[in-house]
Amino acid sequence: MESADGMNDVDVDADVVLGVRDVYLRRGNRQILAGVTFDAGRGELVAIMGPSGSGKTTILRAIAGLDPFQAGRVSVDDVALEGGADVSSATLGRLRRKVGMVFQFHCLFEHLPALQNVWLAPVHAHGVGLEEAKRRARELLTAFGVEHRANALPRELSGGEAQRVAIARALAVDPRLLLMDEPTASLDAARRAELGELLTGLVRQGRTLLIATHDEEFARSCATRVLRVSGGVVRRSGGAGRSGA
């Protein structure tokens, strides 16, 4: 339904954070998504797997409001995006308070130190006071073990450190849903294991995570559910994630 201020609202189950319903997305003559449907609940880590070009990253970008889609619906808590409809800046603002995204190559601002990368969006996009934003940023860097790199520029960080800073940045506005694109792509085995522990810790805190990955071993060790993209739709994997799903 649409609220008085023109924003899209939906009625949702309190335990369902993300709902994706019959989403179609076409680029030119190519159908990328052809009726994608799935849910993700509070405290789940859902892994989406599939070959390159299958649409994994596109699903994340559609959920984050970065790629418009032609039909279907995406809802995060009480905010909905409708396929084929214009999205107001107010609705996008509400959505981006609820969704954090960590891109494959981190996309940190190269000219800013780690700490400022984390507090920048809360201050300039969400109106958080500077001192409060800095305090929260330091807490997040500490929680992820990179507080000693607070003043380092992105080029001075290792791949694992940059990823932790990127996760801290995504969590700086306390989103309900965290999206991650190929999080293990630049990590060695030891860093992959550390990332797995970090993400399962976030799940234990009640976060909802949706991860696009090629990494079968990582997905099966960390995910509560594994979904497969095939033919532009999402299908449940025949195998088990860590919860036995």
Protein backbone atom coordinates (compact mmCIF):
# COMPACT_ATOMS: atom_id res chain seq x y z
CA MET A 1 0.00 0.00 0.00
CA GLU A 2 1.04 3.64 -0.37
CA SER A 3 1.29 5.90 2.67
CA ALA A 4 0.18 9.51 2.87
CA ASP A 5 3.66 10.78 2.04
CA GLY A 6 3.80 8.80 -1.18
CA MET A 7 6.12 6.08 0.12
CA ASN A 8 5.44 2.42 -0.55
CA ASP A 9 4.66 0.39 2.57
CA VAL A 10 3.88 -3.28 2.96
CA ASP A 11 2.53 -5.45 5.72
CA VAL A 12 5.13 -8.06 6.62
CA ASP A 13 5.74 -10.92 9.00
CA ALA A 14 8.07 -9.62 11.73
CA ASP A 15 10.47 -12.51 11.08
CA VAL A 16 10.64 -11.96 7.30
CA VAL A 17 13.16 -9.22 6.56
CA LEU A 18 13.38 -9.63 2.77
CA GLY A 19 10.70 -10.65 0.30
CA VAL A 20 11.40 -10.99 -3.42
CA ARG A 21 8.37 -11.79 -5.55
CA ASP A 22 8.32 -12.67 -9.26
CA VAL A 23 11.05 -10.18 -10.24
CA TYR A 24 11.80 -9.77 -13.94
CA LEU A 25 14.75 -7.74 -15.19
CA ARG A 26 15.80 -7.32 -18.79
CA ARG A 27 18.82 -5.54 -20.29
CA GLY A 28 18.23 -4.86 -23.95
CA ASN A 29 17.28 -8.18 -25.54
CA ARG A 30 18.67 -10.23 -22.67
CA GLN A 31 16.42 -11.51 -19.90
CA ILE A 32 18.58 -11.55 -16.73
CA LEU A 33 15.94 -12.35 -14.12
CA ALA A 34 12.81 -14.25 -15.07
CA GLY A 35 10.55 -14.47 -12.05
CA VAL A 36 12.92 -14.53 -9.07
CA THR A 37 11.08 -15.34 -5.84
CA PHE A 38 12.42 -16.05 -2.34
CA ASP A 39 12.36 -14.78 1.26
CA ALA A 40 15.05 -14.25 3.89
CA GLY A 41 14.24 -14.14 7.59
CA ARG A 42 15.79 -12.56 10.63
CA GLY A 43 19.03 -14.31 11.61
CA GLU A 44 19.54 -16.08 8.27
CA LEU A 45 22.59 -16.16 6.04
CA VAL A 46 21.31 -17.04 2.59
CA ALA A 47 23.87 -17.84 -0.12
CA ILE A 48 22.95 -17.39 -3.78
CA MET A 49 25.07 -19.45 -6.16
CA GLY A 50 25.28 -19.81 -9.91
CA PRO A 51 27.70 -19.43 -12.82
CA SER A 52 29.10 -16.09 -13.95
CA GLY A 53 26.43 -14.08 -15.74
CA SER A 54 23.56 -15.96 -14.10
CA GLY A 55 22.25 -12.86 -12.32
CA LYS A 56 23.54 -13.26 -8.75
CA THR A 57 24.92 -9.74 -8.50
CA THR A 58 21.91 -8.34 -10.35
CA ILE A 59 19.62 -9.77 -7.65
CA LEU A 60 21.61 -7.95 -4.97
CA ARG A 61 21.59 -4.70 -6.93
CA ALA A 62 17.83 -4.91 -7.54
CA ILE A 63 17.22 -5.42 -3.81
CA ALA A 64 19.44 -2.43 -2.99
CA GLY A 65 17.56 -0.20 -5.43
CA LEU A 66 20.58 0.12 -7.74
CA ASP A 67 19.15 -1.74 -10.77
CA PRO A 68 15.54 -1.04 -11.80
CA PHE A 69 13.45 -4.07 -12.72
CA GLN A 70 10.48 -4.28 -15.04
CA ALA A 71 8.05 -6.42 -13.01
CA GLY A 72 7.64 -7.93 -9.57
CA ARG A 73 8.22 -6.63 -6.07
CA VAL A 74 11.07 -6.37 -3.58
CA SER A 75 10.25 -5.60 0.05
CA VAL A 76 12.59 -5.02 2.97
CA ASP A 77 10.62 -4.77 6.19
CA ASP A 78 7.88 -2.25 5.39
CA VAL A 79 9.50 -0.66 2.31
CA ALA A 80 8.69 -1.97 -1.15
CA LEU A 81 9.97 -1.45 -4.68
CA GLU A 82 7.49 -2.21 -7.46
CA GLY A 83 8.71 -3.36 -10.86
CA GLY A 84 8.24 -0.84 -13.65
CA ALA A 85 7.32 1.98 -11.27
CA ASP A 86 9.25 5.14 -10.53
CA VAL A 87 10.89 5.07 -7.10
CA SER A 88 10.81 8.27 -5.08
CA SER A 89 13.94 9.60 -3.42
CA ALA A 90 12.13 9.28 -0.08
CA THR A 91 11.51 5.57 -0.63
CA LEU A 92 15.12 5.01 -1.70
CA GLY A 93 16.28 6.85 1.41
CA ARG A 94 14.20 4.60 3.64
CA LEU A 95 15.40 1.51 1.80
CA ARG A 96 19.05 2.45 2.22
CA ARG A 97 18.61 2.77 5.95
CA LYS A 98 17.54 -0.87 5.96
CA VAL A 99 19.99 -2.33 3.40
CA GLY A 100 23.78 -2.29 3.50
CA MET A 101 25.84 -3.57 0.57
CA VAL A 102 29.45 -4.73 0.39
CA PHE A 103 30.64 -4.79 -3.21
CA GLN A 104 33.09 -7.36 -4.55
CA PHE A 105 35.92 -4.83 -4.81
CA HIS A 106 34.94 -2.96 -1.63
CA CYS A 107 34.53 0.44 -3.37
CA LEU A 108 36.05 2.38 -0.47
CA PHE A 109 36.81 6.04 -1.11
CA GLU A 110 40.50 5.87 -1.96
CA HIS A 111 41.32 9.39 -0.73
CA LEU A 112 39.75 8.93 2.71
CA PRO A 113 41.08 6.97 5.70
CA ALA A 114 39.22 3.91 6.95
CA LEU A 115 37.49 5.70 9.82
CA GLN A 116 36.08 8.43 7.57
CA ASN A 117 34.94 5.84 5.03
CA VAL A 118 32.78 4.37 7.80
CA TRP A 119 31.26 7.57 9.23
CA LEU A 120 30.77 9.48 5.98
CA ALA A 121 27.36 8.10 4.93
CA PRO A 122 25.70 8.32 8.36
CA VAL A 123 26.63 12.01 8.56
CA HIS A 124 26.01 13.15 5.00
CA ALA A 125 23.23 10.80 3.89
CA HIS A 126 21.36 10.12 7.13
CA GLY A 127 21.91 13.21 9.25
CA VAL A 128 23.70 11.53 12.16
CA GLY A 129 25.78 13.91 14.28
CA LEU A 130 29.49 13.82 13.51
CA GLU A 131 30.68 12.80 16.98
CA GLU A 132 28.06 10.07 17.28
CA ALA A 133 28.96 8.78 13.80
CA LYS A 134 32.67 8.75 14.66
CA ARG A 135 31.98 6.90 17.90
CA ARG A 136 29.93 4.27 16.10
CA ALA A 137 32.58 3.96 13.37
CA ARG A 138 35.32 3.33 15.93
CA GLU A 139 33.14 0.72 17.67
CA LEU A 140 32.63 -1.11 14.39
CA LEU A 141 36.31 -1.05 13.43
CA THR A 142 37.13 -2.37 16.90
CA ALA A 143 34.51 -5.11 16.63
CA PHE A 144 36.04 -6.25 13.33
CA GLY A 145 39.62 -6.08 14.58
CA VAL A 146 40.84 -3.21 12.39
CA GLU A 147 40.71 -0.29 14.82
CA HIS A 148 44.50 0.03 14.51
CA ARG A 149 43.99 0.80 10.79
CA ALA A 150 41.54 3.66 11.38
CA ASN A 151 43.83 6.26 9.82
CA ALA A 152 45.05 4.09 6.93
CA LEU A 153 44.03 4.83 3.36
CA PRO A 154 42.39 1.97 1.40
CA ARG A 155 45.56 1.38 -0.66
CA GLU A 156 47.44 0.77 2.60
CA LEU A 157 45.05 -1.98 3.70
CA SER A 158 45.33 -5.68 2.96
CA GLY A 159 42.44 -7.35 1.11
CA GLY A 160 41.05 -8.74 4.35
CA GLU A 161 41.38 -5.41 6.16
CA ALA A 162 39.68 -3.54 3.31
CA GLN A 163 36.83 -6.02 3.38
CA ARG A 164 36.34 -5.59 7.13
CA VAL A 165 36.28 -1.81 6.72
CA ALA A 166 33.72 -2.20 3.91
CA ILE A 167 31.52 -4.36 6.15
CA ALA A 168 31.84 -1.80 8.95
CA ARG A 169 30.82 0.93 6.51
CA ALA A 170 27.77 -1.06 5.41
CA LEU A 171 26.73 -1.61 9.04
CA ALA A 172 27.27 2.00 10.12
CA VAL A 173 23.58 2.85 9.64
CA ASP A 174 22.52 -0.37 11.42
CA PRO A 175 20.72 -1.96 8.44
CA ARG A 176 18.38 -4.92 8.85
CA LEU A 177 19.77 -6.59 5.74
CA LEU A 178 23.39 -6.93 4.61
CA LEU A 179 24.15 -7.82 0.98
CA MET A 180 27.59 -9.11 -0.02
CA ASP A 181 28.90 -9.79 -3.53
CA GLU A 182 31.60 -12.49 -3.84
CA PRO A 183 33.03 -11.82 -0.35
CA THR A 184 35.77 -14.47 -0.56
CA ALA A 185 37.04 -13.57 -4.04
CA SER A 186 40.29 -11.95 -2.85
CA LEU A 187 40.88 -13.94 0.34
CA ASP A 188 43.20 -16.82 1.14
CA ALA A 189 42.02 -19.82 3.16
CA ALA A 190 42.86 -18.30 6.55
CA ARG A 191 41.06 -15.04 5.74
CA ARG A 192 38.06 -16.98 4.41
CA ALA A 193 37.79 -18.78 7.73
CA GLU A 194 38.00 -15.48 9.63
CA LEU A 195 35.30 -13.99 7.42
CA GLY A 196 33.08 -16.99 8.03
CA GLU A 197 33.39 -16.51 11.78
CA LEU A 198 32.65 -12.81 11.46
CA LEU A 199 29.52 -13.38 9.37
CA THR A 200 28.14 -16.15 11.55
CA GLY A 201 28.64 -13.79 14.50
CA LEU A 202 26.48 -11.20 12.73
CA VAL A 203 23.81 -13.84 12.16
CA ARG A 204 23.83 -14.73 15.86
CA GLN A 205 23.12 -11.04 16.54
CA GLY A 206 19.95 -11.34 14.45
CA ARG A 207 21.29 -9.81 11.23
CA THR A 208 20.01 -11.06 7.89
CA LEU A 209 22.68 -11.64 5.25
CA LEU A 210 22.33 -12.38 1.55
CA ILE A 211 25.55 -13.38 -0.19
CA ALA A 212 26.24 -13.95 -3.89
CA THR A 213 29.17 -16.35 -4.24
CA HIS A 214 30.95 -18.90 -6.41
CA ASP A 215 32.57 -20.39 -3.30
CA GLU A 216 30.76 -23.68 -2.67
CA GLU A 217 32.78 -24.64 0.40
CA PHE A 218 32.32 -21.24 2.04
CA ALA A 219 28.58 -21.19 1.31
CA ARG A 220 28.01 -24.64 2.73
CA SER A 221 30.04 -23.95 5.86
CA CYS A 222 28.36 -20.62 6.69
CA ALA A 223 24.94 -20.41 5.07
CA THR A 224 21.67 -21.40 6.66
CA ARG A 225 20.31 -21.88 3.13
CA VAL A 226 21.87 -22.21 -0.30
CA LEU A 227 19.87 -21.07 -3.34
CA ARG A 228 20.82 -21.55 -7.01
CA VAL A 229 20.24 -19.16 -9.89
CA SER A 230 19.31 -21.05 -13.05
CA GLY A 231 17.47 -19.81 -16.11
CA GLY A 232 16.86 -16.44 -14.46
CA VAL A 233 15.05 -17.89 -11.45
CA VAL A 234 16.18 -18.91 -7.97
CA ARG A 235 15.87 -22.54 -6.97
CA ARG A 236 16.58 -24.15 -3.63
CA SER A 237 19.77 -26.17 -3.56
CA GLY A 238 19.53 -29.91 -3.17
CA GLY A 239 22.36 -29.83 -0.63
CA ALA A 240 22.50 -28.66 2.97
CA GLY A 241 23.81 -25.47 4.47
CA ARG A 242 25.11 -25.38 8.02
CA SER A 243 21.58 -25.53 9.44
CA GLY A 244 20.77 -28.63 7.44
CA ALA A 245 18.51 -26.69 5.06
